Each structure stands twice: as structure tokens, then as C-alpha cells.
Protein backbone atom coordinates (compact mmCIF):
# COMPACT_ATOMS: atom_id res chain seq x y z
CA UNK A 1 168.77 30.95 74.53
CA UNK A 2 165.92 33.33 73.46
CA UNK A 3 163.34 34.90 75.64
CA UNK A 4 161.07 37.31 75.44
CA UNK A 5 160.20 39.60 77.58
CA UNK A 6 156.35 39.67 79.40
CA UNK A 7 156.31 44.16 81.04
CA UNK A 8 153.74 43.29 83.13
CA UNK A 9 151.56 47.17 83.20
CA UNK A 10 153.43 48.38 86.79
CA UNK A 11 156.73 47.83 85.18
CA UNK A 12 155.87 49.59 81.86
CA UNK A 13 153.27 52.44 83.04
CA UNK A 14 155.49 53.03 87.07
CA UNK A 15 158.72 50.70 86.68
CA UNK A 16 160.48 50.56 83.80
CA UNK A 17 164.17 50.29 85.26
CA UNK A 18 163.00 47.01 86.76
CA UNK A 19 162.59 46.01 82.96
CA UNK A 20 165.71 47.96 81.86
CA UNK A 21 166.94 45.90 85.12
CA UNK A 22 165.48 42.88 84.23
CA UNK A 23 166.58 42.72 79.99
CA UNK A 24 170.18 43.64 80.35
CA UNK A 25 170.41 41.17 83.51
CA UNK A 26 169.09 38.73 80.74
CA UNK A 27 171.40 39.58 78.37
CA UNK A 28 174.33 39.52 80.66
CA UNK A 29 173.73 36.41 81.72
CA UNK A 30 173.10 35.58 77.81
CA UNK A 31 169.87 35.19 76.35
CA UNK A 32 168.65 37.10 73.77
CA UNK A 33 166.11 39.04 74.31
CA UNK A 34 162.67 40.67 72.96
CA UNK A 35 159.84 42.74 73.14
CA UNK A 36 157.09 41.60 71.27
CA UNK A 37 155.31 44.59 71.12
CA UNK A 38 151.42 43.43 70.48
CA UNK A 39 151.29 41.94 74.35
CA UNK A 40 148.78 44.06 76.76
CA UNK A 41 147.69 43.60 80.40
CA UNK A 42 147.13 39.74 81.68
CA UNK A 43 143.92 40.24 82.89
CA UNK A 44 144.13 39.22 86.02
CA UNK A 45 141.57 42.89 86.91
CA UNK A 46 138.94 41.80 84.54
CA UNK A 47 139.00 38.30 86.12
CA UNK A 48 140.01 38.85 90.38
CA UNK A 49 136.21 41.36 89.36
CA UNK A 50 134.61 39.03 87.94
CA UNK A 51 134.66 39.79 84.53
CA UNK A 52 135.68 36.59 82.57
CA UNK A 53 134.56 36.98 79.28
CA UNK A 54 136.92 40.38 79.55
CA UNK A 55 139.45 38.16 80.49
CA UNK A 56 139.26 35.60 78.28
CA UNK A 57 139.47 38.14 75.72
CA UNK A 58 142.87 40.06 77.20
CA UNK A 59 143.84 35.70 77.21
CA UNK A 60 143.79 35.67 74.04
CA UNK A 61 145.73 38.98 73.10
CA UNK A 62 148.94 37.87 75.14
CA UNK A 63 148.25 33.82 73.78
CA UNK A 64 149.00 35.76 70.24
CA UNK A 65 151.40 38.40 70.98
CA UNK A 66 154.13 35.39 72.42
CA UNK A 67 152.94 32.26 70.49
CA UNK A 68 156.28 32.36 68.50
CA UNK A 69 158.31 32.49 71.77
CA UNK A 70 161.28 30.48 72.70
CA UNK A 71 160.39 31.29 76.58
CA UNK A 72 158.56 33.80 78.14
CA UNK A 73 159.87 35.86 81.43
CA UNK A 74 157.79 37.87 83.42
CA UNK A 75 159.35 40.88 87.00
CA UNK A 76 156.53 39.12 88.28
CA UNK A 77 155.59 35.97 90.28
CA UNK A 78 151.23 37.54 90.60
CA UNK A 79 150.80 38.28 87.00
CA UNK A 80 152.86 34.43 85.54
CA UNK A 81 150.83 33.76 88.13
CA UNK A 82 147.83 34.35 87.06
CA UNK A 83 148.83 32.61 83.17
CA UNK A 84 150.20 29.86 84.79
CA UNK A 85 146.92 28.83 87.02
CA UNK A 86 144.39 30.72 85.38
CA UNK A 87 144.55 30.44 81.40
CA UNK A 88 143.64 27.05 81.33
CA UNK A 89 140.86 27.59 83.07
CA UNK A 90 139.88 30.45 80.85
CA UNK A 91 140.13 28.55 78.09
CA UNK A 92 138.63 24.88 79.16
CA UNK A 93 137.07 22.41 77.34
CA UNK A 94 137.31 24.96 74.37
CA UNK A 95 139.24 23.48 71.54
CA UNK A 96 140.56 26.50 69.52
CA UNK A 97 142.42 28.28 73.15
CA UNK A 98 143.70 25.12 75.61
CA UNK A 99 145.67 23.91 74.13
CA UNK A 100 146.77 27.30 73.37
CA UNK A 101 146.92 28.80 76.73
CA UNK A 102 148.34 25.73 77.98
CA UNK A 103 151.79 25.60 75.34
CA UNK A 104 152.00 29.27 76.88
CA UNK A 105 151.82 28.38 80.16
CA UNK A 106 154.57 25.83 79.45
CA UNK A 107 156.76 28.37 78.60
CA UNK A 108 156.10 31.24 81.09
CA UNK A 109 158.47 31.84 83.78
CA UNK A 110 159.34 34.63 86.56
CA UNK A 111 162.86 36.22 86.43
CA UNK A 112 164.15 34.64 89.27
CA UNK A 113 162.89 31.31 88.30
CA UNK A 114 164.17 31.61 85.33
CA UNK A 115 167.59 32.52 86.40
CA UNK A 116 167.97 29.87 88.57
CA UNK A 117 165.88 26.71 87.59
CA UNK A 118 166.50 26.84 83.55
CA UNK A 119 169.34 29.22 83.33
CA UNK A 120 170.99 26.70 86.36
CA UNK A 121 172.40 30.07 87.72
CA UNK A 122 172.67 31.40 91.05
CA UNK A 123 176.01 33.43 91.54
CA UNK A 124 176.26 36.44 88.59
CA UNK A 125 178.94 38.14 90.56
CA UNK A 126 176.99 41.14 91.76
CA UNK A 127 177.90 43.54 94.45
CA UNK A 128 176.25 45.17 97.11
CA UNK A 129 177.04 46.68 99.45
CA UNK A 130 174.07 46.75 102.07
CA UNK A 131 171.58 45.48 104.09
CA UNK A 132 168.07 44.52 102.78
CA UNK A 133 165.45 42.19 103.43
CA UNK A 134 163.32 40.64 101.42
CA UNK A 135 159.04 40.52 101.27
CA UNK A 136 158.05 37.11 99.83
CA UNK A 137 154.45 38.17 97.44
CA UNK A 138 151.55 35.74 97.97
CA UNK A 139 150.77 35.13 94.12
CA UNK A 140 154.20 34.40 93.65
CA UNK A 141 155.15 32.08 96.65
CA UNK A 142 152.00 30.37 97.26
CA UNK A 143 150.66 30.22 93.30
CA UNK A 144 153.86 29.89 92.16
CA UNK A 145 155.76 27.74 94.98
CA UNK A 146 158.90 29.89 94.64
CA UNK A 147 160.50 30.56 96.87
CA UNK A 148 164.60 29.24 97.02
CA UNK A 149 164.98 31.32 93.68
CA UNK A 150 164.94 34.30 94.82
CA UNK A 151 167.22 34.17 98.14
CA UNK A 152 169.62 31.82 96.11
CA UNK A 153 170.46 34.70 94.11
CA UNK A 154 170.79 37.67 96.82
CA UNK A 155 172.43 34.79 98.97
CA UNK A 156 174.92 34.74 96.46
CA UNK A 157 175.11 38.91 95.79
CA UNK A 158 178.70 39.68 97.30
CA UNK A 159 178.58 42.51 100.44
CA UNK A 160 175.37 42.22 101.11
CA UNK A 161 173.47 41.95 104.77
CA UNK A 162 169.98 40.27 104.20
CA UNK A 163 168.02 40.38 107.42
CA UNK A 164 165.17 38.02 107.88
CA UNK A 165 161.59 40.03 108.15
CA UNK A 166 159.19 38.29 111.09
CA UNK A 167 156.25 37.33 109.91
CA UNK A 168 157.37 37.06 106.18
CA UNK A 169 154.91 35.08 105.08
CA UNK A 170 152.01 37.49 105.70
CA UNK A 171 150.37 39.68 102.67
CA UNK A 172 151.15 43.15 102.73
CA UNK A 173 147.52 43.48 101.79
CA UNK A 174 147.44 44.97 98.03
CA UNK A 175 145.61 41.67 96.78
CA UNK A 176 144.97 44.65 93.28
CA UNK A 177 141.02 44.77 93.05
CA UNK A 178 140.87 43.83 97.17
CA UNK A 179 143.20 46.97 98.23
CA UNK A 180 139.96 48.93 96.67
CA UNK A 181 137.52 46.55 98.07
CA UNK A 182 138.82 46.40 101.17
CA UNK A 183 140.07 49.55 101.72
CA UNK A 184 139.92 50.02 106.36
CA UNK A 185 141.33 45.68 105.77
CA UNK A 186 144.26 46.84 103.86
CA UNK A 187 145.42 49.54 105.58
CA UNK A 188 146.09 47.99 107.64
CA UNK A 189 147.30 45.05 107.50
CA UNK A 190 149.71 47.09 105.18
CA UNK A 191 150.74 49.20 108.41
CA UNK A 192 151.66 46.35 109.99
CA UNK A 193 154.27 45.01 107.09
CA UNK A 194 155.72 47.82 107.24
CA UNK A 195 155.98 47.96 111.07
CA UNK A 196 158.13 44.73 110.66
CA UNK A 197 160.25 46.14 107.59
CA UNK A 198 161.93 48.96 110.14
CA UNK A 199 162.25 46.50 112.81
CA UNK A 200 165.09 44.72 111.15
CA UNK A 201 166.60 47.65 110.57
CA UNK A 202 167.41 47.58 106.54
CA UNK A 203 168.39 50.24 104.57
CA UNK A 204 166.69 48.18 101.39
CA UNK A 205 162.95 46.61 101.06
CA UNK A 206 163.09 43.98 98.54
CA UNK A 207 161.03 41.64 96.10
CA UNK A 208 159.70 40.06 93.41
CA UNK A 209 156.38 41.58 92.51
CA UNK A 210 155.57 45.36 91.49
CA UNK A 211 152.28 45.90 93.71
CA UNK A 212 153.02 44.45 96.61
CA UNK A 213 156.86 46.98 96.32
CA UNK A 214 154.17 49.36 95.57
CA UNK A 215 151.97 49.19 98.79
CA UNK A 216 154.56 48.39 101.55
CA UNK A 217 156.48 51.41 99.88
CA UNK A 218 154.41 53.84 99.54
CA UNK A 219 153.23 53.68 103.46
CA UNK A 220 157.00 53.14 104.62
CA UNK A 221 157.30 56.24 102.96
CA UNK A 222 154.00 58.52 105.03
CA UNK A 223 155.49 56.95 107.71
CA UNK A 224 158.09 59.00 106.94
CA UNK A 225 161.00 55.10 106.92
CA UNK A 226 163.57 56.13 104.65
CA UNK A 227 163.63 52.14 103.43
CA UNK A 228 164.58 52.39 99.62
CA UNK A 229 161.90 49.30 98.62
CA UNK A 230 163.67 47.88 94.70
CA UNK A 231 162.92 45.04 92.79
CA UNK A 232 165.04 42.13 93.24
CA UNK A 233 166.34 43.25 89.19
CA UNK A 234 167.34 45.89 90.27
CA UNK A 235 169.81 45.18 93.12
CA UNK A 236 171.14 42.62 90.88
CA UNK A 237 171.83 44.81 88.22
CA UNK A 238 173.19 46.87 89.90
CA UNK A 239 174.73 44.58 91.85
CA UNK A 240 176.33 43.49 88.63
CA UNK A 241 177.85 46.23 87.31
CA UNK A 242 179.68 46.51 91.04
CA UNK A 243 180.93 43.98 90.08
CA UNK A 244 182.26 44.00 87.20
CA UNK A 245 183.42 47.85 88.06
CA UNK A 246 185.61 46.51 91.81
């Protein structure tokens, strides 16, 4: 099986280890991964700010970049959610692009969704002696319907004590441009989320979207909380290496 990595802007620019962990995990699972270098932003910032035509131009670049991919896998429910829910709307009624957009949608998956639902894997042989809690991002949960997949993978990590996060489904307040335009509301929301994370006494906060983790992690650092923030892919790959060595 072959898959193309959809790196996403945040992973590419700020969290390259998330991209590397994604590739190494997929390789460990027998998936041959390539990286179409024509890919760019999914267009979500432009779309959410009302720049529909600019978002369409970006979307066309993405569709062309992954045109010949068997599967497309990204470590972000938010970016994959943009593709799934808004690309068909952007090109609705456009005979040249609508079908191409739908084909792109049909083969594009968030990482945990791909591992559990397409590869049929839940136990990756990972090990991690730690206490962790998991934040389900709004876009992964609400746009993509990703609820059990990350938790299934985490619950099979040997030695990991996974603690429930109070009010887990509450938004962290990031929301892309929302955090800028409505910064006071966003700040109050992330302060509440950080408080709940600290209530768990977890050593690690896990998630599937770097935007959320960046936002919550920033607040935790501001408060001086000793909580490590990790993408699920990072913990799983680190855990796989630990499991192989044990």
C-alpha cells in the first residue's frame, strides 16, 4: 500500500517531528510513503476569513499535487476536515473541478483514522511509562467524526495511564483566526481548558491537531505547568521504538 503525506502548515513550519513521526509510523506499518512537493496550505485560513476565491486557488493546487496518490494521510483533523467538508462546496457546479475535488476527498484521511479504519490496526506494539490525558479537537471530532480512533490506539500503548480530561469536548479556543479576532474570548476558553488539563495531574497532554496543542501548550507554559504536549503520532512512534527495544 502507498500513501502520500499531507504535512499541513503547522507541522511543516513549527512541528516537523510530527511529520517525521507520521512517516515512520506508516513505514513501520508497511505503508510506502511519498511526499508530493507541490502541496501547500489547505486553504482554511483564507476560507475562514471570507476569501473564497483565494481558497479555491489554493485548493486547486492541493488537488493537483495529490492527483495520482493512492491515499493521502495528514496528522490533522482540522486540515483534513477542510478538504472533506469545504472542497466539494468550493467547486460545486464547476464541471472541471467538482469531480476532481470529490476524488481527493475520498482518498484523504486523518492519521489515526487511516491506521484504525483503513489499516485495521489498533495495537502498534508501543510502550510508554507515563500518565497522559487526551484533548479531542473540534474539527476532528465534529467535522470528521473522529472519536474512538485515537483513543483505541492510545489504550493499546503498554504502560500508558490514560486519564479522562474533564469537559474534554469543550473547545480550546483556538479556531484559527478566531483566536486573533476574538482574543479575549479565546483566552478565557484556553485558560479553562488548561485548568482542566492540570486537574488530571497528567504528565502529557495528547491531541491530533497541532493548532489546539499549540494553543493549550502556550497557556500551560504561561502558567508554568509541567505538562509535556505531544501529538498522538509522536507518542506512538516514540512508544513503538520503546516497545521494540524492550
